[in-house]
Amino acid sequence: MASQQPITVQPQCPVAQRPGEWQSGLMDCCSDCNVCLCGTFCFPCLGCQVAEDMNECCMCGPSVAMRTLYRTRYNIPGSILGDCASTVFCPSCALCQLKRDINQRKELGIFS
């Protein structure tokens, strides 16, 4: 008779995801100067690039909803209030952070 080995590792539920993080901080403009310059001098162009990356309408522009959607998609902690505050009080920084994050996730092959 064959001896049975006890199960020591249980399968994990794939639904539970660990919280993600932003790939760069809100004020990390120096980490990608091209994105920072584009966000500073051609904000609408960068907004359209981000919208295109996210398969959203360019006419909607950079919005709280887009930032919230992105955070939700990648399980990044935060709140709609925080998204609203960053988008209203520092729109260039918020948009640049979003674009830097998209670029870095593309390089890592984890952008969908």
PDB file of N, CA and C in Angstrom:
ATOM      1  N   MET A   1       0.827  -1.180   0.000  1.00  0.00           N
ATOM      2  CA  MET A   1       0.000   0.000   0.000  1.00  0.00           C
ATOM      3  C   MET A   1       0.879   1.256   0.000  1.00  0.00           C
ATOM      4  N   ALA A   2       0.540   2.215  -0.842  1.00  0.00           N
ATOM      5  CA  ALA A   2       1.314   3.448  -0.940  1.00  0.00           C
ATOM      6  C   ALA A   2       0.978   4.363   0.228  1.00  0.00           C
ATOM      7  N   SER A   3       2.006   4.989   0.771  1.00  0.00           N
ATOM      8  CA  SER A   3       1.740   5.926   1.866  1.00  0.00           C
ATOM      9  C   SER A   3       1.305   7.270   1.295  1.00  0.00           C
ATOM     10  N   GLN A   4       0.394   7.884   1.975  1.00  0.00           N
ATOM     11  CA  GLN A   4      -0.115   9.184   1.519  1.00  0.00           C
ATOM     12  C   GLN A   4       0.602  10.291   2.263  1.00  0.00           C
ATOM     13  N   GLN A   5       1.002  11.297   1.502  1.00  0.00           N
ATOM     14  CA  GLN A   5       1.671  12.451   2.097  1.00  0.00           C
ATOM     15  C   GLN A   5       0.624  13.462   2.551  1.00  0.00           C
ATOM     16  N   PRO A   6       0.772  14.031   3.728  1.00  0.00           N
ATOM     17  CA  PRO A   6      -0.191  15.053   4.157  1.00  0.00           C
ATOM     18  C   PRO A   6      -0.017  16.336   3.344  1.00  0.00           C
ATOM     19  N   ILE A   7      -1.100  17.043   3.149  1.00  0.00           N
ATOM     20  CA  ILE A   7      -1.055  18.322   2.439  1.00  0.00           C
ATOM     21  C   ILE A   7      -0.534  19.370   3.406  1.00  0.00           C
ATOM     22  N   THR A   8       0.557  20.010   3.021  1.00  0.00           N
ATOM     23  CA  THR A   8       1.151  21.020   3.901  1.00  0.00           C
ATOM     24  C   THR A   8       0.951  22.437   3.393  1.00  0.00           C
ATOM     25  N   VAL A   9       0.628  22.584   2.107  1.00  0.00           N
ATOM     26  CA  VAL A   9       0.411  23.912   1.530  1.00  0.00           C
ATOM     27  C   VAL A   9      -0.961  23.917   0.860  1.00  0.00           C
ATOM     28  N   GLN A  10      -1.793  24.844   1.258  1.00  0.00           N
ATOM     29  CA  GLN A  10      -3.118  24.968   0.686  1.00  0.00           C
ATOM     30  C   GLN A  10      -3.066  25.924  -0.501  1.00  0.00           C
ATOM     31  N   PRO A  11      -3.855  25.657  -1.535  1.00  0.00           N
ATOM     32  CA  PRO A  11      -3.904  26.609  -2.655  1.00  0.00           C
ATOM     33  C   PRO A  11      -4.463  27.950  -2.194  1.00  0.00           C
ATOM     34  N   GLN A  12      -3.950  29.002  -2.798  1.00  0.00           N
ATOM     35  CA  GLN A  12      -4.379  30.355  -2.443  1.00  0.00           C
ATOM     36  C   GLN A  12      -5.469  30.825  -3.384  1.00  0.00           C
ATOM     37  N   CYS A  13      -6.365  31.607  -2.865  1.00  0.00           N
ATOM     38  CA  CYS A  13      -7.445  32.171  -3.664  1.00  0.00           C
ATOM     39  C   CYS A  13      -6.882  33.279  -4.555  1.00  0.00           C
ATOM     40  N   PRO A  14      -7.053  33.212  -5.882  1.00  0.00           N
ATOM     41  CA  PRO A  14      -6.485  34.230  -6.769  1.00  0.00           C
ATOM     42  C   PRO A  14      -7.220  35.561  -6.716  1.00  0.00           C
ATOM     43  N   VAL A  15      -8.398  35.614  -6.091  1.00  0.00           N
ATOM     44  CA  VAL A  15      -9.185  36.837  -6.058  1.00  0.00           C
ATOM     45  C   VAL A  15      -8.564  37.867  -5.127  1.00  0.00           C
ATOM     46  N   ALA A  16      -8.019  37.417  -4.017  1.00  0.00           N
ATOM     47  CA  ALA A  16      -7.441  38.338  -3.044  1.00  0.00           C
ATOM     48  C   ALA A  16      -6.108  38.852  -3.576  1.00  0.00           C
ATOM     49  N   GLN A  17      -6.030  40.132  -3.828  1.00  0.00           N
ATOM     50  CA  GLN A  17      -4.808  40.727  -4.334  1.00  0.00           C
ATOM     51  C   GLN A  17      -4.178  41.584  -3.254  1.00  0.00           C
ATOM     52  N   ARG A  18      -2.871  41.607  -3.270  1.00  0.00           N
ATOM     53  CA  ARG A  18      -2.176  42.489  -2.341  1.00  0.00           C
ATOM     54  C   ARG A  18      -2.289  43.916  -2.856  1.00  0.00           C
ATOM     55  N   PRO A  19      -2.282  44.868  -1.933  1.00  0.00           N
ATOM     56  CA  PRO A  19      -2.355  46.259  -2.387  1.00  0.00           C
ATOM     57  C   PRO A  19      -1.145  46.618  -3.248  1.00  0.00           C
ATOM     58  N   GLY A  20      -1.402  47.389  -4.288  1.00  0.00           N
ATOM     59  CA  GLY A  20      -0.328  47.853  -5.147  1.00  0.00           C
ATOM     60  C   GLY A  20       0.221  49.169  -4.631  1.00  0.00           C
ATOM     61  N   GLU A  21       1.121  49.736  -5.383  1.00  0.00           N
ATOM     62  CA  GLU A  21       1.695  51.031  -5.029  1.00  0.00           C
ATOM     63  C   GLU A  21       1.924  51.810  -6.306  1.00  0.00           C
ATOM     64  N   TRP A  22       1.982  53.126  -6.165  1.00  0.00           N
ATOM     65  CA  TRP A  22       2.396  53.958  -7.291  1.00  0.00           C
ATOM     66  C   TRP A  22       3.847  53.635  -7.568  1.00  0.00           C
ATOM     67  N   GLN A  23       4.231  53.640  -8.822  1.00  0.00           N
ATOM     68  CA  GLN A  23       5.609  53.363  -9.208  1.00  0.00           C
ATOM     69  C   GLN A  23       6.526  54.551  -8.903  1.00  0.00           C
ATOM     70  N   SER A  24       5.925  55.732  -8.726  1.00  0.00           N
ATOM     71  CA  SER A  24       6.691  56.928  -8.342  1.00  0.00           C
ATOM     72  C   SER A  24       5.785  57.835  -7.531  1.00  0.00           C
ATOM     73  N   GLY A  25       6.385  58.733  -6.805  1.00  0.00           N
ATOM     74  CA  GLY A  25       5.624  59.640  -5.962  1.00  0.00           C
ATOM     75  C   GLY A  25       5.002  60.788  -6.750  1.00  0.00           C
ATOM     76  N   LEU A  26       4.106  61.494  -6.109  1.00  0.00           N
ATOM     77  CA  LEU A  26       3.404  62.606  -6.743  1.00  0.00           C
ATOM     78  C   LEU A  26       4.374  63.706  -7.200  1.00  0.00           C
ATOM     79  N   MET A  27       5.425  63.939  -6.440  1.00  0.00           N
ATOM     80  CA  MET A  27       6.370  65.024  -6.748  1.00  0.00           C
ATOM     81  C   MET A  27       7.687  64.532  -7.340  1.00  0.00           C
ATOM     82  N   ASP A  28       7.712  63.322  -7.901  1.00  0.00           N
ATOM     83  CA  ASP A  28       8.942  62.753  -8.455  1.00  0.00           C
ATOM     84  C   ASP A  28       9.160  63.130  -9.918  1.00  0.00           C
ATOM     85  N   CYS A  29       9.007  64.385 -10.241  1.00  0.00           N
ATOM     86  CA  CYS A  29       9.150  64.826 -11.635  1.00  0.00           C
ATOM     87  C   CYS A  29      10.528  64.537 -12.206  1.00  0.00           C
ATOM     88  N   CYS A  30      11.558  64.611 -11.381  1.00  0.00           N
ATOM     89  CA  CYS A  30      12.917  64.401 -11.882  1.00  0.00           C
ATOM     90  C   CYS A  30      13.170  62.962 -12.303  1.00  0.00           C
ATOM     91  N   SER A  31      12.290  62.041 -11.923  1.00  0.00           N
ATOM     92  CA  SER A  31      12.511  60.645 -12.314  1.00  0.00           C
ATOM     93  C   SER A  31      12.232  60.426 -13.805  1.00  0.00           C
ATOM     94  N   ASP A  32      11.473  61.317 -14.426  1.00  0.00           N
ATOM     95  CA  ASP A  32      11.244  61.262 -15.884  1.00  0.00           C
ATOM     96  C   ASP A  32      10.999  62.691 -16.364  1.00  0.00           C
ATOM     97  N   CYS A  33      12.083  63.344 -16.737  1.00  0.00           N
ATOM     98  CA  CYS A  33      12.002  64.766 -17.110  1.00  0.00           C
ATOM     99  C   CYS A  33      11.149  65.004 -18.355  1.00  0.00           C
ATOM    100  N   ASN A  34      11.135  64.067 -19.292  1.00  0.00           N
ATOM    101  CA  ASN A  34      10.326  64.251 -20.502  1.00  0.00           C
ATOM    102  C   ASN A  34       8.839  64.338 -20.163  1.00  0.00           C
ATOM    103  N   VAL A  35       8.389  63.466 -19.287  1.00  0.00           N
ATOM    104  CA  VAL A  35       6.988  63.495 -18.877  1.00  0.00           C
ATOM    105  C   VAL A  35       6.700  64.790 -18.127  1.00  0.00           C
ATOM    106  N   CYS A  36       7.621  65.197 -17.271  1.00  0.00           N
ATOM    107  CA  CYS A  36       7.444  66.423 -16.492  1.00  0.00           C
ATOM    108  C   CYS A  36       7.349  67.650 -17.408  1.00  0.00           C
ATOM    109  N   LEU A  37       8.224  67.726 -18.391  1.00  0.00           N
ATOM    110  CA  LEU A  37       8.197  68.857 -19.321  1.00  0.00           C
ATOM    111  C   LEU A  37       6.912  68.860 -20.144  1.00  0.00           C
ATOM    112  N   CYS A  38       6.499  67.692 -20.585  1.00  0.00           N
ATOM    113  CA  CYS A  38       5.258  67.594 -21.369  1.00  0.00           C
ATOM    114  C   CYS A  38       4.064  68.007 -20.508  1.00  0.00           C
ATOM    115  N   GLY A  39       4.030  67.558 -19.258  1.00  0.00           N
ATOM    116  CA  GLY A  39       2.936  67.918 -18.358  1.00  0.00           C
ATOM    117  C   GLY A  39       2.915  69.393 -18.017  1.00  0.00           C
ATOM    118  N   THR A  40       4.086  70.002 -17.975  1.00  0.00           N
ATOM    119  CA  THR A  40       4.172  71.420 -17.631  1.00  0.00           C
ATOM    120  C   THR A  40       3.822  72.321 -18.814  1.00  0.00           C
ATOM    121  N   PHE A  41       4.357  72.000 -19.994  1.00  0.00           N
ATOM    122  CA  PHE A  41       4.192  72.894 -21.130  1.00  0.00           C
ATOM    123  C   PHE A  41       3.126  72.470 -22.145  1.00  0.00           C
ATOM    124  N   CYS A  42       2.696  71.226 -22.067  1.00  0.00           N
ATOM    125  CA  CYS A  42       1.645  70.768 -22.985  1.00  0.00           C
ATOM    126  C   CYS A  42       0.708  69.801 -22.251  1.00  0.00           C
ATOM    127  N   PHE A  43       0.077  70.322 -21.210  1.00  0.00           N
ATOM    128  CA  PHE A  43      -0.804  69.540 -20.347  1.00  0.00           C
ATOM    129  C   PHE A  43      -1.884  68.788 -21.132  1.00  0.00           C
ATOM    130  N   PRO A  44      -2.578  69.442 -22.092  1.00  0.00           N
ATOM    131  CA  PRO A  44      -3.610  68.716 -22.839  1.00  0.00           C
ATOM    132  C   PRO A  44      -3.055  67.534 -23.647  1.00  0.00           C
ATOM    133  N   CYS A  45      -1.841  67.699 -24.197  1.00  0.00           N
ATOM    134  CA  CYS A  45      -1.219  66.606 -24.959  1.00  0.00           C
ATOM    135  C   CYS A  45      -0.953  65.399 -24.060  1.00  0.00           C
ATOM    136  N   LEU A  46      -0.424  65.652 -22.865  1.00  0.00           N
ATOM    137  CA  LEU A  46      -0.142  64.564 -21.938  1.00  0.00           C
ATOM    138  C   LEU A  46      -1.437  63.918 -21.467  1.00  0.00           C
ATOM    139  N   GLY A  47      -2.471  64.743 -21.266  1.00  0.00           N
ATOM    140  CA  GLY A  47      -3.779  64.199 -20.883  1.00  0.00           C
ATOM    141  C   GLY A  47      -4.325  63.258 -21.944  1.00  0.00           C
ATOM    142  N   CYS A  48      -4.149  63.608 -23.206  1.00  0.00           N
ATOM    143  CA  CYS A  48      -4.608  62.739 -24.301  1.00  0.00           C
ATOM    144  C   CYS A  48      -3.780  61.459 -24.378  1.00  0.00           C
ATOM    145  N   GLN A  49      -2.477  61.558 -24.112  1.00  0.00           N
ATOM    146  CA  GLN A  49      -1.635  60.360 -24.108  1.00  0.00           C
ATOM    147  C   GLN A  49      -2.090  59.382 -23.029  1.00  0.00           C
ATOM    148  N   VAL A  50      -2.348  59.904 -21.840  1.00  0.00           N
ATOM    149  CA  VAL A  50      -2.794  59.063 -20.724  1.00  0.00           C
ATOM    150  C   VAL A  50      -4.152  58.442 -21.045  1.00  0.00           C
ATOM    151  N   ALA A  51      -5.062  59.250 -21.581  1.00  0.00           N
ATOM    152  CA  ALA A  51      -6.390  58.735 -21.942  1.00  0.00           C
ATOM    153  C   ALA A  51      -6.266  57.631 -22.986  1.00  0.00           C
ATOM    154  N   GLU A  52      -5.405  57.829 -23.966  1.00  0.00           N
ATOM    155  CA  GLU A  52      -5.196  56.816 -25.001  1.00  0.00           C
ATOM    156  C   GLU A  52      -4.617  55.539 -24.402  1.00  0.00           C
ATOM    157  N   ASP A  53      -3.640  55.679 -23.497  1.00  0.00           N
ATOM    158  CA  ASP A  53      -3.052  54.513 -22.829  1.00  0.00           C
ATOM    159  C   ASP A  53      -4.114  53.716 -22.068  1.00  0.00           C
ATOM    160  N   MET A  54      -5.086  54.420 -21.515  1.00  0.00           N
ATOM    161  CA  MET A  54      -6.122  53.774 -20.699  1.00  0.00           C
ATOM    162  C   MET A  54      -7.375  53.428 -21.496  1.00  0.00           C
ATOM    163  N   ASN A  55      -7.313  53.611 -22.812  1.00  0.00           N
ATOM    164  CA  ASN A  55      -8.469  53.354 -23.691  1.00  0.00           C
ATOM    165  C   ASN A  55      -9.685  54.177 -23.292  1.00  0.00           C
ATOM    166  N   GLU A  56      -9.441  55.430 -22.961  1.00  0.00           N
ATOM    167  CA  GLU A  56     -10.503  56.361 -22.593  1.00  0.00           C
ATOM    168  C   GLU A  56     -10.579  57.470 -23.638  1.00  0.00           C
ATOM    169  N   CYS A  57     -11.642  58.238 -23.589  1.00  0.00           N
ATOM    170  CA  CYS A  57     -11.834  59.337 -24.525  1.00  0.00           C
ATOM    171  C   CYS A  57     -10.906  60.500 -24.184  1.00  0.00           C
ATOM    172  N   CYS A  58     -10.208  60.977 -25.180  1.00  0.00           N
ATOM    173  CA  CYS A  58      -9.282  62.094 -24.971  1.00  0.00           C
ATOM    174  C   CYS A  58     -10.013  63.374 -24.571  1.00  0.00           C
ATOM    175  N   MET A  59     -11.260  63.512 -25.016  1.00  0.00           N
ATOM    176  CA  MET A  59     -12.028  64.725 -24.723  1.00  0.00           C
ATOM    177  C   MET A  59     -12.358  64.839 -23.234  1.00  0.00           C
ATOM    178  N   CYS A  60     -12.354  63.705 -22.525  1.00  0.00           N
ATOM    179  CA  CYS A  60     -12.634  63.738 -21.085  1.00  0.00           C
ATOM    180  C   CYS A  60     -11.488  64.393 -20.328  1.00  0.00           C
ATOM    181  N   GLY A  61     -10.299  64.304 -20.883  1.00  0.00           N
ATOM    182  CA  GLY A  61      -9.138  64.922 -20.267  1.00  0.00           C
ATOM    183  C   GLY A  61      -8.765  64.243 -18.970  1.00  0.00           C
ATOM    184  N   PRO A  62      -7.714  64.735 -18.357  1.00  0.00           N
ATOM    185  CA  PRO A  62      -7.294  64.155 -17.081  1.00  0.00           C
ATOM    186  C   PRO A  62      -8.324  64.494 -16.008  1.00  0.00           C
ATOM    187  N   SER A  63      -8.852  63.490 -15.388  1.00  0.00           N
ATOM    188  CA  SER A  63      -9.918  63.728 -14.418  1.00  0.00           C
ATOM    189  C   SER A  63      -9.735  62.871 -13.179  1.00  0.00           C
ATOM    190  N   VAL A  64     -10.511  63.195 -12.170  1.00  0.00           N
ATOM    191  CA  VAL A  64     -10.532  62.414 -10.937  1.00  0.00           C
ATOM    192  C   VAL A  64     -10.964  60.986 -11.262  1.00  0.00           C
ATOM    193  N   ALA A  65     -11.949  60.851 -12.137  1.00  0.00           N
ATOM    194  CA  ALA A  65     -12.462  59.527 -12.494  1.00  0.00           C
ATOM    195  C   ALA A  65     -11.366  58.665 -13.128  1.00  0.00           C
ATOM    196  N   MET A  66     -10.533  59.259 -13.989  1.00  0.00           N
ATOM    197  CA  MET A  66      -9.476  58.504 -14.645  1.00  0.00           C
ATOM    198  C   MET A  66      -8.442  58.042 -13.618  1.00  0.00           C
ATOM    199  N   ARG A  67      -8.083  58.917 -12.717  1.00  0.00           N
ATOM    200  CA  ARG A  67      -7.110  58.565 -11.673  1.00  0.00           C
ATOM    201  C   ARG A  67      -7.672  57.481 -10.758  1.00  0.00           C
ATOM    202  N   THR A  68      -8.944  57.609 -10.401  1.00  0.00           N
ATOM    203  CA  THR A  68      -9.590  56.624  -9.539  1.00  0.00           C
ATOM    204  C   THR A  68      -9.687  55.276 -10.245  1.00  0.00           C
ATOM    205  N   LEU A  69     -10.026  55.297 -11.517  1.00  0.00           N
ATOM    206  CA  LEU A  69     -10.093  54.067 -12.307  1.00  0.00           C
ATOM    207  C   LEU A  69      -8.734  53.368 -12.326  1.00  0.00           C
ATOM    208  N   TYR A  70      -7.687  54.134 -12.535  1.00  0.00           N
ATOM    209  CA  TYR A  70      -6.337  53.566 -12.585  1.00  0.00           C
ATOM    210  C   TYR A  70      -5.956  52.967 -11.232  1.00  0.00           C
ATOM    211  N   ARG A  71      -6.212  53.704 -10.160  1.00  0.00           N
ATOM    212  CA  ARG A  71      -5.907  53.201  -8.816  1.00  0.00           C
ATOM    213  C   ARG A  71      -6.639  51.899  -8.540  1.00  0.00           C
ATOM    214  N   THR A  72      -7.909  51.860  -8.933  1.00  0.00           N
ATOM    215  CA  THR A  72      -8.717  50.666  -8.712  1.00  0.00           C
ATOM    216  C   THR A  72      -8.185  49.492  -9.530  1.00  0.00           C
ATOM    217  N   ARG A  73      -7.830  49.743 -10.776  1.00  0.00           N
ATOM    218  CA  ARG A  73      -7.328  48.685 -11.675  1.00  0.00           C
ATOM    219  C   ARG A  73      -6.074  48.026 -11.123  1.00  0.00           C
ATOM    220  N   TYR A  74      -5.188  48.826 -10.515  1.00  0.00           N
ATOM    221  CA  TYR A  74      -3.925  48.297 -10.003  1.00  0.00           C
ATOM    222  C   TYR A  74      -3.910  48.159  -8.485  1.00  0.00           C
ATOM    223  N   ASN A  75      -5.075  48.243  -7.878  1.00  0.00           N
ATOM    224  CA  ASN A  75      -5.227  48.023  -6.442  1.00  0.00           C
ATOM    225  C   ASN A  75      -4.299  48.920  -5.621  1.00  0.00           C
ATOM    226  N   ILE A  76      -4.198  50.184  -6.020  1.00  0.00           N
ATOM    227  CA  ILE A  76      -3.359  51.159  -5.323  1.00  0.00           C
ATOM    228  C   ILE A  76      -4.197  51.802  -4.232  1.00  0.00           C
ATOM    229  N   PRO A  77      -3.717  51.790  -2.989  1.00  0.00           N
ATOM    230  CA  PRO A  77      -4.497  52.392  -1.904  1.00  0.00           C
ATOM    231  C   PRO A  77      -4.727  53.881  -2.129  1.00  0.00           C
ATOM    232  N   GLY A  78      -5.817  54.371  -1.638  1.00  0.00           N
ATOM    233  CA  GLY A  78      -6.159  55.786  -1.752  1.00  0.00           C
ATOM    234  C   GLY A  78      -7.660  55.955  -1.702  1.00  0.00           C
ATOM    235  N   SER A  79      -8.098  57.170  -1.960  1.00  0.00           N
ATOM    236  CA  SER A  79      -9.528  57.461  -1.923  1.00  0.00           C
ATOM    237  C   SER A  79      -9.876  58.443  -3.034  1.00  0.00           C
ATOM    238  N   ILE A  80     -11.159  58.538  -3.300  1.00  0.00           N
ATOM    239  CA  ILE A  80     -11.623  59.508  -4.293  1.00  0.00           C
ATOM    240  C   ILE A  80     -11.308  60.917  -3.806  1.00  0.00           C
ATOM    241  N   LEU A  81     -11.403  61.145  -2.512  1.00  0.00           N
ATOM    242  CA  LEU A  81     -11.079  62.465  -1.959  1.00  0.00           C
ATOM    243  C   LEU A  81      -9.607  62.803  -2.222  1.00  0.00           C
ATOM    244  N   GLY A  82      -8.728  61.843  -2.016  1.00  0.00           N
ATOM    245  CA  GLY A  82      -7.306  62.063  -2.298  1.00  0.00           C
ATOM    246  C   GLY A  82      -7.053  62.309  -3.775  1.00  0.00           C
ATOM    247  N   ASP A  83      -7.759  61.550  -4.625  1.00  0.00           N
ATOM    248  CA  ASP A  83      -7.631  61.749  -6.071  1.00  0.00           C
ATOM    249  C   ASP A  83      -8.103  63.144  -6.459  1.00  0.00           C
ATOM    250  N   CYS A  84      -9.204  63.552  -5.858  1.00  0.00           N
ATOM    251  CA  CYS A  84      -9.759  64.879  -6.137  1.00  0.00           C
ATOM    252  C   CYS A  84      -8.791  65.974  -5.694  1.00  0.00           C
ATOM    253  N   ALA A  85      -8.244  65.825  -4.502  1.00  0.00           N
ATOM    254  CA  ALA A  85      -7.316  66.840  -3.977  1.00  0.00           C
ATOM    255  C   ALA A  85      -6.077  66.956  -4.860  1.00  0.00           C
ATOM    256  N   SER A  86      -5.489  65.828  -5.237  1.00  0.00           N
ATOM    257  CA  SER A  86      -4.279  65.900  -6.060  1.00  0.00           C
ATOM    258  C   SER A  86      -4.580  66.445  -7.452  1.00  0.00           C
ATOM    259  N   THR A  87      -5.737  66.108  -8.008  1.00  0.00           N
ATOM    260  CA  THR A  87      -6.105  66.575  -9.342  1.00  0.00           C
ATOM    261  C   THR A  87      -6.451  68.061  -9.353  1.00  0.00           C
ATOM    262  N   VAL A  88      -7.064  68.549  -8.280  1.00  0.00           N
ATOM    263  CA  VAL A  88      -7.459  69.960  -8.216  1.00  0.00           C
ATOM    264  C   VAL A  88      -6.281  70.854  -7.834  1.00  0.00           C
ATOM    265  N   PHE A  89      -5.515  70.463  -6.817  1.00  0.00           N
ATOM    266  CA  PHE A  89      -4.472  71.340  -6.301  1.00  0.00           C
ATOM    267  C   PHE A  89      -3.133  71.221  -7.023  1.00  0.00           C
ATOM    268  N   CYS A  90      -2.898  70.105  -7.672  1.00  0.00           N
ATOM    269  CA  CYS A  90      -1.655  69.961  -8.436  1.00  0.00           C
ATOM    270  C   CYS A  90      -1.909  69.069  -9.648  1.00  0.00           C
ATOM    271  N   PRO A  91      -2.692  69.575 -10.601  1.00  0.00           N
ATOM    272  CA  PRO A  91      -3.075  68.739 -11.741  1.00  0.00           C
ATOM    273  C   PRO A  91      -1.896  68.232 -12.568  1.00  0.00           C
ATOM    274  N   SER A  92      -0.876  69.055 -12.759  1.00  0.00           N
ATOM    275  CA  SER A  92       0.290  68.615 -13.536  1.00  0.00           C
ATOM    276  C   SER A  92       1.007  67.469 -12.837  1.00  0.00           C
ATOM    277  N   CYS A  93       1.184  67.599 -11.524  1.00  0.00           N
ATOM    278  CA  CYS A  93       1.862  66.547 -10.758  1.00  0.00           C
ATOM    279  C   CYS A  93       1.068  65.245 -10.808  1.00  0.00           C
ATOM    280  N   ALA A  94      -0.255  65.340 -10.647  1.00  0.00           N
ATOM    281  CA  ALA A  94      -1.101  64.152 -10.650  1.00  0.00           C
ATOM    282  C   ALA A  94      -1.069  63.468 -12.015  1.00  0.00           C
ATOM    283  N   LEU A  95      -1.129  64.245 -13.087  1.00  0.00           N
ATOM    284  CA  LEU A  95      -1.112  63.680 -14.427  1.00  0.00           C
ATOM    285  C   LEU A  95       0.251  63.080 -14.757  1.00  0.00           C
ATOM    286  N   CYS A  96       1.314  63.769 -14.372  1.00  0.00           N
ATOM    287  CA  CYS A  96       2.663  63.252 -14.614  1.00  0.00           C
ATOM    288  C   CYS A  96       2.894  61.951 -13.846  1.00  0.00           C
ATOM    289  N   GLN A  97       2.406  61.884 -12.610  1.00  0.00           N
ATOM    290  CA  GLN A  97       2.540  60.660 -11.833  1.00  0.00           C
ATOM    291  C   GLN A  97       1.841  59.499 -12.538  1.00  0.00           C
ATOM    292  N   LEU A  98       0.658  59.766 -13.047  1.00  0.00           N
ATOM    293  CA  LEU A  98      -0.106  58.750 -13.755  1.00  0.00           C
ATOM    294  C   LEU A  98       0.653  58.265 -14.998  1.00  0.00           C
ATOM    295  N   LYS A  99       1.182  59.186 -15.777  1.00  0.00           N
ATOM    296  CA  LYS A  99       1.915  58.820 -16.997  1.00  0.00           C
ATOM    297  C   LYS A  99       3.204  58.074 -16.664  1.00  0.00           C
ATOM    298  N   ARG A 100       3.933  58.523 -15.636  1.00  0.00           N
ATOM    299  CA  ARG A 100       5.158  57.816 -15.240  1.00  0.00           C
ATOM    300  C   ARG A 100       4.835  56.383 -14.822  1.00  0.00           C
ATOM    301  N   ASP A 101       3.743  56.237 -14.086  1.00  0.00           N
ATOM    302  CA  ASP A 101       3.345  54.916 -13.622  1.00  0.00           C
ATOM    303  C   ASP A 101       2.996  54.013 -14.805  1.00  0.00           C
ATOM    304  N   ILE A 102       2.246  54.550 -15.761  1.00  0.00           N
ATOM    305  CA  ILE A 102       1.898  53.789 -16.960  1.00  0.00           C
ATOM    306  C   ILE A 102       3.169  53.363 -17.700  1.00  0.00           C
ATOM    307  N   ASN A 103       4.101  54.295 -17.901  1.00  0.00           N
ATOM    308  CA  ASN A 103       5.342  53.990 -18.613  1.00  0.00           C
ATOM    309  C   ASN A 103       6.138  52.895 -17.895  1.00  0.00           C
ATOM    310  N   GLN A 104       6.226  52.998 -16.584  1.00  0.00           N
ATOM    311  CA  GLN A 104       6.999  52.012 -15.830  1.00  0.00           C
ATOM    312  C   GLN A 104       6.327  50.642 -15.846  1.00  0.00           C
ATOM    313  N   ARG A 105       5.001  50.619 -15.770  1.00  0.00           N
ATOM    314  CA  ARG A 105       4.296  49.328 -15.831  1.00  0.00           C
ATOM    315  C   ARG A 105       4.426  48.709 -17.229  1.00  0.00           C
ATOM    316  N   LYS A 106       4.463  49.543 -18.267  1.00  0.00           N
ATOM    317  CA  LYS A 106       4.684  49.025 -19.615  1.00  0.00           C
ATOM    318  C   LYS A 106       6.069  48.383 -19.721  1.00  0.00           C
ATOM    319  N   GLU A 107       7.077  49.055 -19.152  1.00  0.00           N
ATOM    320  CA  GLU A 107       8.441  48.510 -19.184  1.00  0.00           C
ATOM    321  C   GLU A 107       8.522  47.188 -18.438  1.00  0.00           C
ATOM    322  N   LEU A 108       7.780  47.065 -17.343  1.00  0.00           N
ATOM    323  CA  LEU A 108       7.794  45.832 -16.550  1.00  0.00           C
ATOM    324  C   LEU A 108       6.897  44.744 -17.161  1.00  0.00           C
ATOM    325  N   GLY A 109       6.087  45.130 -18.144  1.00  0.00           N
ATOM    326  CA  GLY A 109       5.191  44.181 -18.779  1.00  0.00           C
ATOM    327  C   GLY A 109       3.960  43.862 -17.950  1.00  0.00           C
ATOM    328  N   ILE A 110       3.587  44.793 -17.059  1.00  0.00           N
ATOM    329  CA  ILE A 110       2.417  44.561 -16.203  1.00  0.00           C
ATOM    330  C   ILE A 110       1.320  45.576 -16.445  1.00  0.00           C
ATOM    331  N   PHE A 111       1.380  46.279 -17.550  1.00  0.00           N
ATOM    332  CA  PHE A 111       0.339  47.256 -17.878  1.00  0.00           C
ATOM    333  C   PHE A 111      -0.711  46.576 -18.743  1.00  0.00           C
ATOM    334  N   SER A 112      -1.958  46.760 -18.346  1.00  0.00           N
ATOM    335  CA  SER A 112      -3.026  46.149 -19.154  1.00  0.00           C
ATOM    336  C   SER A 112      -4.070  47.179 -19.517  1.00  0.00           C
TER     337      SER A 112
END
